[in-house]
């Protein structure tokens, strides 16, 4: 079976950080782990990226990380974050708001120009839906826990001629969490700690990567031209 893997970058990164204590992974290695014995046709990674004019300190490491992904055959789909000024509560001991209904309290706040993803979920869903109709892909795996992407298999089933394309959800779960089948998909699979460790990314992107370091990594994992499958 020919497989295409679509990764919701922010969702998987945050989910892995909470579940495993580390969030970065190499999409190619994760895609291979997800595909198993199937033929891996393509990997697409969708995410937001900080605006270099607003937040260069965070933009540059992400730019380096995405460039390495591209060097390993990953199709990177990125959108610049949108920013807005807002107040951020500094105090952490306000308690559960449900226990303080209708109460008035004081707290320290700080203004912040916060960046956020806008339209990435819809963008990924449309791209994944388009890829579901490709003649060279029999199964699409969408790596996300975001219920907004449930629209992909639901819409695919309404498109004549694509009834045989299988759409699977892959979601990050701790070892003590069981997989619950999402009825929107044909199957729901678990991205386990063991699977994440096989794909873990420990590069230090705070500084430029050495060319020989990148080339060595690309060769070691068998990436580069026609290197989707190892």
C-alpha atoms as a PDB file:
ATOM      1  CA  UNK A   1       0.000   0.000   0.000  1.00  0.00           C
ATOM      2  CA  UNK A   2       1.298   3.466  -0.963  1.00  0.00           C
ATOM      3  CA  UNK A   3       1.179   5.970   1.891  1.00  0.00           C
ATOM      4  CA  UNK A   4       1.299   9.742   2.179  1.00  0.00           C
ATOM      5  CA  UNK A   5       1.922  11.255   5.622  1.00  0.00           C
ATOM      6  CA  UNK A   6       0.736  14.742   6.582  1.00  0.00           C
ATOM      7  CA  UNK A   7       2.022  16.240   9.823  1.00  0.00           C
ATOM      8  CA  UNK A   8       0.356  19.071  11.720  1.00  0.00           C
ATOM      9  CA  UNK A   9       3.643  20.503  12.957  1.00  0.00           C
ATOM     10  CA  UNK A  10       2.479  22.610  15.887  1.00  0.00           C
ATOM     11  CA  UNK A  11       0.044  19.979  17.153  1.00  0.00           C
ATOM     12  CA  UNK A  12       2.584  17.150  17.093  1.00  0.00           C
ATOM     13  CA  UNK A  13       5.366  19.328  18.535  1.00  0.00           C
ATOM     14  CA  UNK A  14       3.285  20.535  21.477  1.00  0.00           C
ATOM     15  CA  UNK A  15       1.738  17.113  22.036  1.00  0.00           C
ATOM     16  CA  UNK A  16       5.172  15.444  22.120  1.00  0.00           C
ATOM     17  CA  UNK A  17       6.535  18.095  24.461  1.00  0.00           C
ATOM     18  CA  UNK A  18       3.773  17.449  26.985  1.00  0.00           C
ATOM     19  CA  UNK A  19       3.811  13.661  26.572  1.00  0.00           C
ATOM     20  CA  UNK A  20       7.541  12.987  26.277  1.00  0.00           C
ATOM     21  CA  UNK A  21       9.286  16.139  27.495  1.00  0.00           C
ATOM     22  CA  UNK A  22      10.756  16.907  24.065  1.00  0.00           C
ATOM     23  CA  UNK A  23       8.930  18.163  20.991  1.00  0.00           C
ATOM     24  CA  UNK A  24      11.196  18.265  17.954  1.00  0.00           C
ATOM     25  CA  UNK A  25      11.311  15.307  15.578  1.00  0.00           C
ATOM     26  CA  UNK A  26      12.444  14.665  12.006  1.00  0.00           C
ATOM     27  CA  UNK A  27       9.305  14.308   9.846  1.00  0.00           C
ATOM     28  CA  UNK A  28      10.991  11.832   7.479  1.00  0.00           C
ATOM     29  CA  UNK A  29      11.886   9.476  10.328  1.00  0.00           C
ATOM     30  CA  UNK A  30       8.431   9.813  11.878  1.00  0.00           C
ATOM     31  CA  UNK A  31       6.832   9.214   8.488  1.00  0.00           C
ATOM     32  CA  UNK A  32       8.831   6.036   8.022  1.00  0.00           C
ATOM     33  CA  UNK A  33       7.842   4.814  11.493  1.00  0.00           C
ATOM     34  CA  UNK A  34       4.180   5.504  10.751  1.00  0.00           C
ATOM     35  CA  UNK A  35       4.267   3.907   7.293  1.00  0.00           C
ATOM     36  CA  UNK A  36       5.872   0.704   8.572  1.00  0.00           C
ATOM     37  CA  UNK A  37       6.129  -1.863   5.773  1.00  0.00           C
ATOM     38  CA  UNK A  38       4.053   0.235   3.363  1.00  0.00           C
ATOM     39  CA  UNK A  39       5.596   2.287   0.555  1.00  0.00           C
ATOM     40  CA  UNK A  40       6.093   5.854   1.764  1.00  0.00           C
ATOM     41  CA  UNK A  41       5.328   8.155  -1.170  1.00  0.00           C
ATOM     42  CA  UNK A  42       5.404  11.625   0.361  1.00  0.00           C
ATOM     43  CA  UNK A  43       5.671  13.537   3.638  1.00  0.00           C
ATOM     44  CA  UNK A  44       4.222  17.001   4.079  1.00  0.00           C
ATOM     45  CA  UNK A  45       4.819  19.116   7.193  1.00  0.00           C
ATOM     46  CA  UNK A  46       2.559  22.135   7.777  1.00  0.00           C
ATOM     47  CA  UNK A  47       3.306  24.761  10.409  1.00  0.00           C
ATOM     48  CA  UNK A  48       3.504  28.438  11.213  1.00  0.00           C
ATOM     49  CA  UNK A  49       6.837  30.261  11.370  1.00  0.00           C
ATOM     50  CA  UNK A  50       7.702  33.468  13.273  1.00  0.00           C
ATOM     51  CA  UNK A  51       7.959  36.660  11.246  1.00  0.00           C
ATOM     52  CA  UNK A  52      11.659  37.588  10.891  1.00  0.00           C
ATOM     53  CA  UNK A  53      10.742  41.283  11.063  1.00  0.00           C
ATOM     54  CA  UNK A  54       8.971  40.811  14.410  1.00  0.00           C
ATOM     55  CA  UNK A  55      10.733  37.897  16.085  1.00  0.00           C
ATOM     56  CA  UNK A  56      14.033  37.117  14.369  1.00  0.00           C
ATOM     57  CA  UNK A  57      15.357  35.282  17.439  1.00  0.00           C
ATOM     58  CA  UNK A  58      12.661  32.596  17.084  1.00  0.00           C
ATOM     59  CA  UNK A  59      12.468  32.748  13.291  1.00  0.00           C
ATOM     60  CA  UNK A  60      16.092  31.837  12.541  1.00  0.00           C
ATOM     61  CA  UNK A  61      16.148  28.474  14.413  1.00  0.00           C
ATOM     62  CA  UNK A  62      12.864  27.467  12.777  1.00  0.00           C
ATOM     63  CA  UNK A  63      14.204  28.489   9.362  1.00  0.00           C
ATOM     64  CA  UNK A  64      17.224  26.224   9.892  1.00  0.00           C
ATOM     65  CA  UNK A  65      15.035  23.376  11.074  1.00  0.00           C
ATOM     66  CA  UNK A  66      12.727  23.649   8.053  1.00  0.00           C
ATOM     67  CA  UNK A  67      15.707  23.827   5.686  1.00  0.00           C
ATOM     68  CA  UNK A  68      16.999  20.533   7.093  1.00  0.00           C
ATOM     69  CA  UNK A  69      13.552  18.989   6.576  1.00  0.00           C
ATOM     70  CA  UNK A  70      13.622  20.049   2.921  1.00  0.00           C
ATOM     71  CA  UNK A  71      17.067  18.456   2.571  1.00  0.00           C
ATOM     72  CA  UNK A  72      15.536  15.160   3.717  1.00  0.00           C
ATOM     73  CA  UNK A  73      12.727  15.088   1.112  1.00  0.00           C
ATOM     74  CA  UNK A  74      10.024  16.612   3.323  1.00  0.00           C
ATOM     75  CA  UNK A  75       7.587  19.052   1.678  1.00  0.00           C
ATOM     76  CA  UNK A  76       7.410  21.941   4.167  1.00  0.00           C
ATOM     77  CA  UNK A  77       4.274  24.061   4.101  1.00  0.00           C
ATOM     78  CA  UNK A  78       4.733  27.152   6.242  1.00  0.00           C
ATOM     79  CA  UNK A  79       2.736  30.268   6.971  1.00  0.00           C
ATOM     80  CA  UNK A  80       4.067  33.355   8.723  1.00  0.00           C
ATOM     81  CA  UNK A  81       2.506  33.851  12.147  1.00  0.00           C
ATOM     82  CA  UNK A  82       0.091  36.712  12.639  1.00  0.00           C
ATOM     83  CA  UNK A  83       0.707  39.003  15.603  1.00  0.00           C
ATOM     84  CA  UNK A  84      -1.441  41.039  17.930  1.00  0.00           C
ATOM     85  CA  UNK A  85      -0.778  42.910  21.142  1.00  0.00           C
ATOM     86  CA  UNK A  86      -2.512  41.478  24.188  1.00  0.00           C
ATOM     87  CA  UNK A  87      -2.285  41.366  27.969  1.00  0.00           C
ATOM     88  CA  UNK A  88      -0.736  38.238  29.479  1.00  0.00           C
ATOM     89  CA  UNK A  89      -1.445  37.371  33.117  1.00  0.00           C
ATOM     90  CA  UNK A  90       1.807  37.050  35.056  1.00  0.00           C
ATOM     91  CA  UNK A  91       0.406  35.587  38.276  1.00  0.00           C
ATOM     92  CA  UNK A  92       0.128  31.801  38.352  1.00  0.00           C
ATOM     93  CA  UNK A  93      -1.771  31.356  41.638  1.00  0.00           C
ATOM     94  CA  UNK A  94      -5.188  32.733  40.781  1.00  0.00           C
ATOM     95  CA  UNK A  95      -6.813  29.327  41.192  1.00  0.00           C
ATOM     96  CA  UNK A  96      -9.475  27.624  39.123  1.00  0.00           C
ATOM     97  CA  UNK A  97     -11.802  30.283  37.634  1.00  0.00           C
ATOM     98  CA  UNK A  98     -14.758  27.955  38.200  1.00  0.00           C
ATOM     99  CA  UNK A  99     -14.169  28.296  41.940  1.00  0.00           C
ATOM    100  CA  UNK A 100     -14.226  32.110  41.783  1.00  0.00           C
ATOM    101  CA  UNK A 101     -17.269  32.917  39.670  1.00  0.00           C
ATOM    102  CA  UNK A 102     -18.344  36.578  39.768  1.00  0.00           C
ATOM    103  CA  UNK A 103     -15.395  37.514  41.996  1.00  0.00           C
ATOM    104  CA  UNK A 104     -13.187  40.512  41.257  1.00  0.00           C
ATOM    105  CA  UNK A 105      -9.458  40.048  41.831  1.00  0.00           C
ATOM    106  CA  UNK A 106      -6.176  41.788  41.063  1.00  0.00           C
ATOM    107  CA  UNK A 107      -3.338  40.336  39.022  1.00  0.00           C
ATOM    108  CA  UNK A 108      -0.129  41.499  37.364  1.00  0.00           C
ATOM    109  CA  UNK A 109      -0.223  41.554  33.589  1.00  0.00           C
ATOM    110  CA  UNK A 110       2.329  42.169  30.853  1.00  0.00           C
ATOM    111  CA  UNK A 111       1.782  43.352  27.304  1.00  0.00           C
ATOM    112  CA  UNK A 112       3.046  41.011  24.599  1.00  0.00           C
ATOM    113  CA  UNK A 113       2.994  40.993  20.829  1.00  0.00           C
ATOM    114  CA  UNK A 114       1.892  37.364  20.553  1.00  0.00           C
ATOM    115  CA  UNK A 115       2.200  35.406  17.331  1.00  0.00           C
ATOM    116  CA  UNK A 116      -0.334  32.754  16.450  1.00  0.00           C
ATOM    117  CA  UNK A 117      -1.106  30.384  13.614  1.00  0.00           C
ATOM    118  CA  UNK A 118      -3.947  31.500  11.386  1.00  0.00           C
ATOM    119  CA  UNK A 119      -5.368  29.265   8.673  1.00  0.00           C
ATOM    120  CA  UNK A 120      -2.803  26.458   9.023  1.00  0.00           C
ATOM    121  CA  UNK A 121      -5.430  23.844   9.953  1.00  0.00           C
ATOM    122  CA  UNK A 122      -7.621  24.703   6.975  1.00  0.00           C
ATOM    123  CA  UNK A 123      -4.576  24.841   4.726  1.00  0.00           C
ATOM    124  CA  UNK A 124      -3.406  21.407   5.864  1.00  0.00           C
ATOM    125  CA  UNK A 125      -6.909  19.969   5.524  1.00  0.00           C
ATOM    126  CA  UNK A 126      -7.292  21.238   1.961  1.00  0.00           C
ATOM    127  CA  UNK A 127      -3.822  20.017   1.016  1.00  0.00           C
ATOM    128  CA  UNK A 128      -4.412  16.599   2.570  1.00  0.00           C
ATOM    129  CA  UNK A 129      -7.796  16.330   0.873  1.00  0.00           C
ATOM    130  CA  UNK A 130      -6.207  17.138  -2.476  1.00  0.00           C
ATOM    131  CA  UNK A 131      -3.499  14.544  -1.889  1.00  0.00           C
ATOM    132  CA  UNK A 132      -6.152  11.958  -1.019  1.00  0.00           C
ATOM    133  CA  UNK A 133      -7.287  12.120  -4.635  1.00  0.00           C
ATOM    134  CA  UNK A 134      -3.836  11.326  -6.070  1.00  0.00           C
ATOM    135  CA  UNK A 135      -3.622   8.154  -8.098  1.00  0.00           C
ATOM    136  CA  UNK A 136      -0.281   7.177  -6.531  1.00  0.00           C
ATOM    137  CA  UNK A 137      -1.508   7.190  -2.899  1.00  0.00           C
ATOM    138  CA  UNK A 138      -3.729   4.482  -1.391  1.00  0.00           C
ATOM    139  CA  UNK A 139      -3.636   5.636   2.241  1.00  0.00           C
ATOM    140  CA  UNK A 140      -3.237   9.045   3.848  1.00  0.00           C
ATOM    141  CA  UNK A 141      -2.078   9.370   7.459  1.00  0.00           C
ATOM    142  CA  UNK A 142      -2.811  12.699   9.131  1.00  0.00           C
ATOM    143  CA  UNK A 143      -0.642  13.189  12.217  1.00  0.00           C
ATOM    144  CA  UNK A 144      -2.655  15.445  14.502  1.00  0.00           C
ATOM    145  CA  UNK A 145      -5.002  15.441  17.467  1.00  0.00           C
ATOM    146  CA  UNK A 146      -6.880  18.475  16.131  1.00  0.00           C
ATOM    147  CA  UNK A 147     -10.537  17.648  15.583  1.00  0.00           C
ATOM    148  CA  UNK A 148     -10.776  20.388  12.935  1.00  0.00           C
ATOM    149  CA  UNK A 149      -9.013  18.023  10.532  1.00  0.00           C
ATOM    150  CA  UNK A 150     -11.804  15.453  10.907  1.00  0.00           C
ATOM    151  CA  UNK A 151     -13.267  17.215   7.868  1.00  0.00           C
ATOM    152  CA  UNK A 152     -10.728  15.534   5.573  1.00  0.00           C
ATOM    153  CA  UNK A 153     -12.058  11.940   5.637  1.00  0.00           C
ATOM    154  CA  UNK A 154     -15.618  13.207   5.920  1.00  0.00           C
ATOM    155  CA  UNK A 155     -15.333  15.246   2.720  1.00  0.00           C
ATOM    156  CA  UNK A 156     -13.389  12.537   0.920  1.00  0.00           C
ATOM    157  CA  UNK A 157     -16.270  10.112   1.393  1.00  0.00           C
ATOM    158  CA  UNK A 158     -18.535  12.576  -0.442  1.00  0.00           C
ATOM    159  CA  UNK A 159     -16.258  12.613  -3.499  1.00  0.00           C
ATOM    160  CA  UNK A 160     -17.187   9.962  -6.112  1.00  0.00           C
ATOM    161  CA  UNK A 161     -14.362   7.686  -7.175  1.00  0.00           C
ATOM    162  CA  UNK A 162     -12.315   7.908  -3.975  1.00  0.00           C
ATOM    163  CA  UNK A 163     -14.149   5.439  -1.796  1.00  0.00           C
ATOM    164  CA  UNK A 164     -11.115   3.132  -1.563  1.00  0.00           C
ATOM    165  CA  UNK A 165      -8.642   5.709  -0.233  1.00  0.00           C
ATOM    166  CA  UNK A 166      -7.981   4.996   3.430  1.00  0.00           C
ATOM    167  CA  UNK A 167      -7.551   7.961   5.798  1.00  0.00           C
ATOM    168  CA  UNK A 168      -5.857   7.318   9.138  1.00  0.00           C
ATOM    169  CA  UNK A 169      -5.271   9.554  12.133  1.00  0.00           C
ATOM    170  CA  UNK A 170      -1.976   9.338  14.049  1.00  0.00           C
ATOM    171  CA  UNK A 171      -1.875  11.076  17.426  1.00  0.00           C
ATOM    172  CA  UNK A 172       0.684  11.473  20.195  1.00  0.00           C
ATOM    173  CA  UNK A 173      -0.199   9.515  23.328  1.00  0.00           C
ATOM    174  CA  UNK A 174       1.716   8.697  26.477  1.00  0.00           C
ATOM    175  CA  UNK A 175       2.561   5.068  27.152  1.00  0.00           C
ATOM    176  CA  UNK A 176      -0.209   4.883  29.770  1.00  0.00           C
ATOM    177  CA  UNK A 177      -2.852   6.174  27.329  1.00  0.00           C
ATOM    178  CA  UNK A 178      -4.900   3.845  25.170  1.00  0.00           C
ATOM    179  CA  UNK A 179      -5.861   4.604  21.586  1.00  0.00           C
ATOM    180  CA  UNK A 180      -9.498   5.542  21.109  1.00  0.00           C
ATOM    181  CA  UNK A 181     -10.842   5.162  17.609  1.00  0.00           C
ATOM    182  CA  UNK A 182     -11.871   8.472  16.063  1.00  0.00           C
ATOM    183  CA  UNK A 183     -15.075   7.664  14.113  1.00  0.00           C
ATOM    184  CA  UNK A 184     -14.193  10.284  11.491  1.00  0.00           C
ATOM    185  CA  UNK A 185     -11.240   8.172  10.323  1.00  0.00           C
ATOM    186  CA  UNK A 186     -10.856   4.647   9.018  1.00  0.00           C
ATOM    187  CA  UNK A 187      -8.320   3.994  11.769  1.00  0.00           C
ATOM    188  CA  UNK A 188      -6.604   5.808  14.644  1.00  0.00           C
ATOM    189  CA  UNK A 189      -3.020   4.870  15.526  1.00  0.00           C
ATOM    190  CA  UNK A 190      -0.719   5.880  18.356  1.00  0.00           C
ATOM    191  CA  UNK A 191       2.526   7.814  18.094  1.00  0.00           C
ATOM    192  CA  UNK A 192       4.225   6.188  21.071  1.00  0.00           C
ATOM    193  CA  UNK A 193       7.267   7.301  23.030  1.00  0.00           C
ATOM    194  CA  UNK A 194       9.319   4.581  21.336  1.00  0.00           C
ATOM    195  CA  UNK A 195       8.210   5.792  17.900  1.00  0.00           C
ATOM    196  CA  UNK A 196       8.987   9.393  18.818  1.00  0.00           C
ATOM    197  CA  UNK A 197      12.488   8.490  20.054  1.00  0.00           C
ATOM    198  CA  UNK A 198      13.251   6.899  16.689  1.00  0.00           C
ATOM    199  CA  UNK A 199      12.396  10.220  15.037  1.00  0.00           C
ATOM    200  CA  UNK A 200      13.679  12.582  17.726  1.00  0.00           C
ATOM    201  CA  UNK A 201      15.514  15.709  16.546  1.00  0.00           C
ATOM    202  CA  UNK A 202      18.367  16.835  18.828  1.00  0.00           C
ATOM    203  CA  UNK A 203      20.030  19.322  16.503  1.00  0.00           C
ATOM    204  CA  UNK A 204      20.844  22.700  18.057  1.00  0.00           C
ATOM    205  CA  UNK A 205      19.183  25.165  15.710  1.00  0.00           C
ATOM    206  CA  UNK A 206      20.109  28.213  17.794  1.00  0.00           C
ATOM    207  CA  UNK A 207      23.225  28.476  15.625  1.00  0.00           C
ATOM    208  CA  UNK A 208      23.869  27.688  11.929  1.00  0.00           C
ATOM    209  CA  UNK A 209      24.410  24.011  11.187  1.00  0.00           C
ATOM    210  CA  UNK A 210      27.721  22.953   9.670  1.00  0.00           C
ATOM    211  CA  UNK A 211      27.428  21.766   6.058  1.00  0.00           C
ATOM    212  CA  UNK A 212      29.256  18.523   6.747  1.00  0.00           C
ATOM    213  CA  UNK A 213      27.013  17.922   9.766  1.00  0.00           C
ATOM    214  CA  UNK A 214      23.900  18.212   7.615  1.00  0.00           C
ATOM    215  CA  UNK A 215      25.371  16.135   4.779  1.00  0.00           C
ATOM    216  CA  UNK A 216      26.382  13.404   7.217  1.00  0.00           C
ATOM    217  CA  UNK A 217      22.896  13.272   8.712  1.00  0.00           C
ATOM    218  CA  UNK A 218      21.219  13.172   5.288  1.00  0.00           C
ATOM    219  CA  UNK A 219      23.458  10.292   4.195  1.00  0.00           C
ATOM    220  CA  UNK A 220      23.009   8.416   7.461  1.00  0.00           C
ATOM    221  CA  UNK A 221      19.216   8.335   7.241  1.00  0.00           C
ATOM    222  CA  UNK A 222      19.263   7.611   3.506  1.00  0.00           C
ATOM    223  CA  UNK A 223      17.524  10.829   2.500  1.00  0.00           C
ATOM    224  CA  UNK A 224      18.176  13.096  -0.452  1.00  0.00           C
ATOM    225  CA  UNK A 225      17.044  12.237  -3.976  1.00  0.00           C
ATOM    226  CA  UNK A 226      14.573   9.330  -3.977  1.00  0.00           C
ATOM    227  CA  UNK A 227      15.223   8.771  -0.290  1.00  0.00           C
ATOM    228  CA  UNK A 228      11.702   8.819   1.151  1.00  0.00           C
ATOM    229  CA  UNK A 229      11.861   5.085   1.766  1.00  0.00           C
ATOM    230  CA  UNK A 230      14.959   3.802   3.548  1.00  0.00           C
END
